[in-house]
C-alpha cells in the first residue's frame, strides 16, 4: 500500500497509466515485508518465511 501511496505522491497523479509507468521505474523497495527487488516486467520473487511459537519463543519453521 505504501508503494502505491509513494507512486501517487511522486507523480502527483492517480491515473492508472501514470502510476504503472512510475512503478516500472522502481528497481528496489524497502517495505513492511522487507526489501523487494523488481524484475523487468515488474514482478518480484521473494522466498516466504514461516515462523511458529515454540515454548513461548518465535522459531523459524522450514518447509521442505
N, C-alpha and C. Protein backbone atom coordinates (compact mmCIF):
# COMPACT_ATOMS: atom_id res chain seq x y z
N UNK A 1 0.82 -1.18 0.00
CA UNK A 1 0.00 0.00 0.00
C UNK A 1 0.87 1.26 0.00
N UNK A 2 1.95 1.20 0.77
CA UNK A 2 2.84 2.37 0.83
C UNK A 2 3.52 2.61 -0.52
N UNK A 3 3.80 1.55 -1.24
CA UNK A 3 4.40 1.69 -2.56
C UNK A 3 3.46 2.46 -3.49
N UNK A 4 2.19 2.14 -3.43
CA UNK A 4 1.19 2.86 -4.23
C UNK A 4 1.08 4.31 -3.78
N UNK A 5 1.05 4.54 -2.48
CA UNK A 5 0.98 5.91 -1.95
C UNK A 5 2.21 6.71 -2.40
N UNK A 6 3.38 6.10 -2.35
CA UNK A 6 4.60 6.77 -2.81
C UNK A 6 4.51 7.12 -4.29
N UNK A 7 3.95 6.21 -5.08
CA UNK A 7 3.81 6.46 -6.52
C UNK A 7 2.87 7.63 -6.78
N UNK A 8 1.77 7.69 -6.05
CA UNK A 8 0.81 8.79 -6.22
C UNK A 8 1.46 10.11 -5.82
N UNK A 9 2.19 10.11 -4.71
CA UNK A 9 2.88 11.34 -4.27
C UNK A 9 3.95 11.77 -5.27
N UNK A 10 4.71 10.82 -5.78
CA UNK A 10 5.80 11.15 -6.70
C UNK A 10 5.30 11.69 -8.03
N UNK A 11 4.19 11.12 -8.52
CA UNK A 11 3.67 11.52 -9.83
C UNK A 11 2.62 12.62 -9.73
N UNK A 12 2.11 12.86 -8.53
CA UNK A 12 1.01 13.82 -8.33
C UNK A 12 -0.19 13.45 -9.19
N UNK A 13 -0.41 12.14 -9.32
CA UNK A 13 -1.48 11.65 -10.19
C UNK A 13 -2.08 10.37 -9.63
N UNK A 14 -3.35 10.14 -9.95
CA UNK A 14 -3.98 8.86 -9.64
C UNK A 14 -4.35 8.12 -10.93
N UNK A 15 -3.87 8.62 -12.05
CA UNK A 15 -4.11 7.98 -13.34
C UNK A 15 -3.41 6.62 -13.37
N UNK A 16 -4.13 5.52 -13.62
CA UNK A 16 -3.52 4.20 -13.60
C UNK A 16 -2.30 4.05 -14.53
N UNK A 17 -2.35 4.63 -15.71
CA UNK A 17 -1.23 4.51 -16.66
C UNK A 17 0.01 5.23 -16.11
N UNK A 18 -0.20 6.40 -15.54
CA UNK A 18 0.90 7.17 -14.96
C UNK A 18 1.52 6.42 -13.79
N UNK A 19 0.68 5.86 -12.94
CA UNK A 19 1.16 5.08 -11.79
C UNK A 19 1.94 3.86 -12.27
N UNK A 20 1.42 3.16 -13.27
CA UNK A 20 2.09 1.98 -13.80
C UNK A 20 3.46 2.33 -14.35
N UNK A 21 3.54 3.39 -15.11
CA UNK A 21 4.82 3.81 -15.68
C UNK A 21 5.83 4.14 -14.58
N UNK A 22 5.37 4.81 -13.55
CA UNK A 22 6.26 5.13 -12.43
C UNK A 22 6.72 3.85 -11.72
N UNK A 23 5.79 2.95 -11.44
CA UNK A 23 6.14 1.71 -10.73
C UNK A 23 7.16 0.88 -11.51
N UNK A 24 7.10 0.94 -12.82
CA UNK A 24 8.08 0.19 -13.63
C UNK A 24 9.48 0.80 -13.58
N UNK A 25 9.62 1.98 -13.02
CA UNK A 25 10.95 2.58 -12.87
C UNK A 25 11.61 2.17 -11.57
N UNK A 26 10.85 1.59 -10.65
CA UNK A 26 11.38 1.21 -9.35
C UNK A 26 12.10 -0.13 -9.46
N UNK A 27 13.32 -0.17 -9.00
CA UNK A 27 14.11 -1.42 -9.03
C UNK A 27 14.09 -2.12 -7.68
N UNK A 28 14.15 -1.36 -6.59
CA UNK A 28 14.10 -1.94 -5.25
C UNK A 28 13.20 -1.08 -4.37
N UNK A 29 12.63 -1.72 -3.34
CA UNK A 29 11.77 -1.02 -2.40
C UNK A 29 11.89 -1.70 -1.05
N UNK A 30 12.11 -0.92 -0.01
CA UNK A 30 12.19 -1.45 1.34
C UNK A 30 10.84 -1.22 2.01
N UNK A 31 10.06 -2.28 2.11
CA UNK A 31 8.71 -2.16 2.66
C UNK A 31 8.53 -2.98 3.92
N UNK A 32 7.29 -3.11 4.34
CA UNK A 32 6.96 -3.82 5.58
C UNK A 32 7.38 -5.28 5.54
N UNK A 33 7.41 -5.88 4.36
CA UNK A 33 7.80 -7.29 4.26
C UNK A 33 9.27 -7.46 3.90
N UNK A 34 10.03 -6.37 3.98
CA UNK A 34 11.46 -6.44 3.71
C UNK A 34 11.81 -5.78 2.40
N UNK A 35 13.01 -6.06 1.94
CA UNK A 35 13.49 -5.49 0.68
C UNK A 35 12.93 -6.25 -0.50
N UNK A 36 12.35 -5.53 -1.43
CA UNK A 36 11.81 -6.13 -2.64
C UNK A 36 12.67 -5.69 -3.82
N UNK A 37 12.94 -6.62 -4.72
CA UNK A 37 13.65 -6.31 -5.96
C UNK A 37 12.73 -6.71 -7.11
N UNK A 38 12.51 -5.75 -8.01
CA UNK A 38 11.59 -5.96 -9.12
C UNK A 38 12.36 -6.34 -10.37
N UNK A 39 11.81 -7.28 -11.16
CA UNK A 39 12.45 -7.63 -12.43
C UNK A 39 11.90 -6.74 -13.54
N UNK A 40 12.31 -7.00 -14.76
CA UNK A 40 11.96 -6.11 -15.89
C UNK A 40 10.47 -6.03 -16.18
N UNK A 41 9.69 -7.05 -15.81
CA UNK A 41 8.25 -6.99 -16.06
C UNK A 41 7.46 -6.50 -14.84
N UNK A 42 8.19 -6.09 -13.78
CA UNK A 42 7.54 -5.51 -12.61
C UNK A 42 7.16 -6.49 -11.52
N UNK A 43 7.46 -7.77 -11.72
CA UNK A 43 7.12 -8.73 -10.68
C UNK A 43 8.32 -8.96 -9.76
N UNK A 44 8.04 -9.57 -8.62
CA UNK A 44 9.10 -9.87 -7.66
C UNK A 44 9.09 -11.35 -7.35
N UNK A 45 10.21 -11.84 -6.93
CA UNK A 45 10.31 -13.20 -6.43
C UNK A 45 10.90 -13.08 -5.03
N UNK A 46 10.17 -13.56 -4.07
CA UNK A 46 10.62 -13.45 -2.70
C UNK A 46 10.27 -14.74 -1.98
N UNK A 47 11.25 -15.31 -1.33
CA UNK A 47 11.03 -16.53 -0.59
C UNK A 47 10.19 -16.22 0.65
N UNK A 48 9.18 -17.04 0.89
CA UNK A 48 8.34 -16.87 2.06
C UNK A 48 9.03 -17.46 3.28
N UNK A 49 8.92 -16.78 4.38
CA UNK A 49 9.46 -17.27 5.64
C UNK A 49 8.30 -17.55 6.58
N UNK A 50 8.39 -18.67 7.28
CA UNK A 50 7.33 -19.06 8.20
C UNK A 50 7.92 -19.21 9.59
N UNK A 51 7.15 -18.80 10.58
CA UNK A 51 7.58 -18.90 11.97
C UNK A 51 6.48 -19.54 12.79
N UNK A 52 6.88 -20.25 13.84
CA UNK A 52 5.95 -20.81 14.80
C UNK A 52 6.39 -20.37 16.19
N UNK A 53 5.47 -20.44 17.13
CA UNK A 53 5.81 -20.16 18.51
C UNK A 53 6.03 -21.50 19.19
N UNK A 54 7.24 -21.67 19.72
CA UNK A 54 7.60 -22.92 20.38
C UNK A 54 8.12 -22.58 21.77
N UNK A 55 7.45 -23.06 22.78
CA UNK A 55 7.81 -22.77 24.17
C UNK A 55 7.90 -21.26 24.42
N UNK A 56 6.97 -20.50 23.84
CA UNK A 56 6.93 -19.07 24.06
C UNK A 56 7.94 -18.27 23.25
N UNK A 57 8.67 -18.92 22.34
CA UNK A 57 9.68 -18.25 21.53
C UNK A 57 9.34 -18.40 20.05
N UNK A 58 9.57 -17.33 19.29
CA UNK A 58 9.35 -17.36 17.85
C UNK A 58 10.50 -18.11 17.19
N UNK A 59 10.18 -19.18 16.45
CA UNK A 59 11.18 -20.04 15.82
C UNK A 59 10.87 -20.16 14.33
N UNK A 60 11.90 -20.02 13.50
CA UNK A 60 11.69 -20.18 12.06
C UNK A 60 11.31 -21.62 11.74
N UNK A 61 10.30 -21.77 10.89
CA UNK A 61 9.80 -23.07 10.50
C UNK A 61 10.19 -23.32 9.06
N UNK A 62 10.92 -24.39 8.80
CA UNK A 62 11.36 -24.72 7.44
C UNK A 62 10.38 -25.67 6.78
N UNK A 63 9.95 -25.29 5.60
CA UNK A 63 9.07 -26.14 4.80
C UNK A 63 9.89 -26.76 3.69
N UNK A 64 9.81 -28.05 3.58
CA UNK A 64 10.59 -28.76 2.53
C UNK A 64 9.80 -28.97 1.30
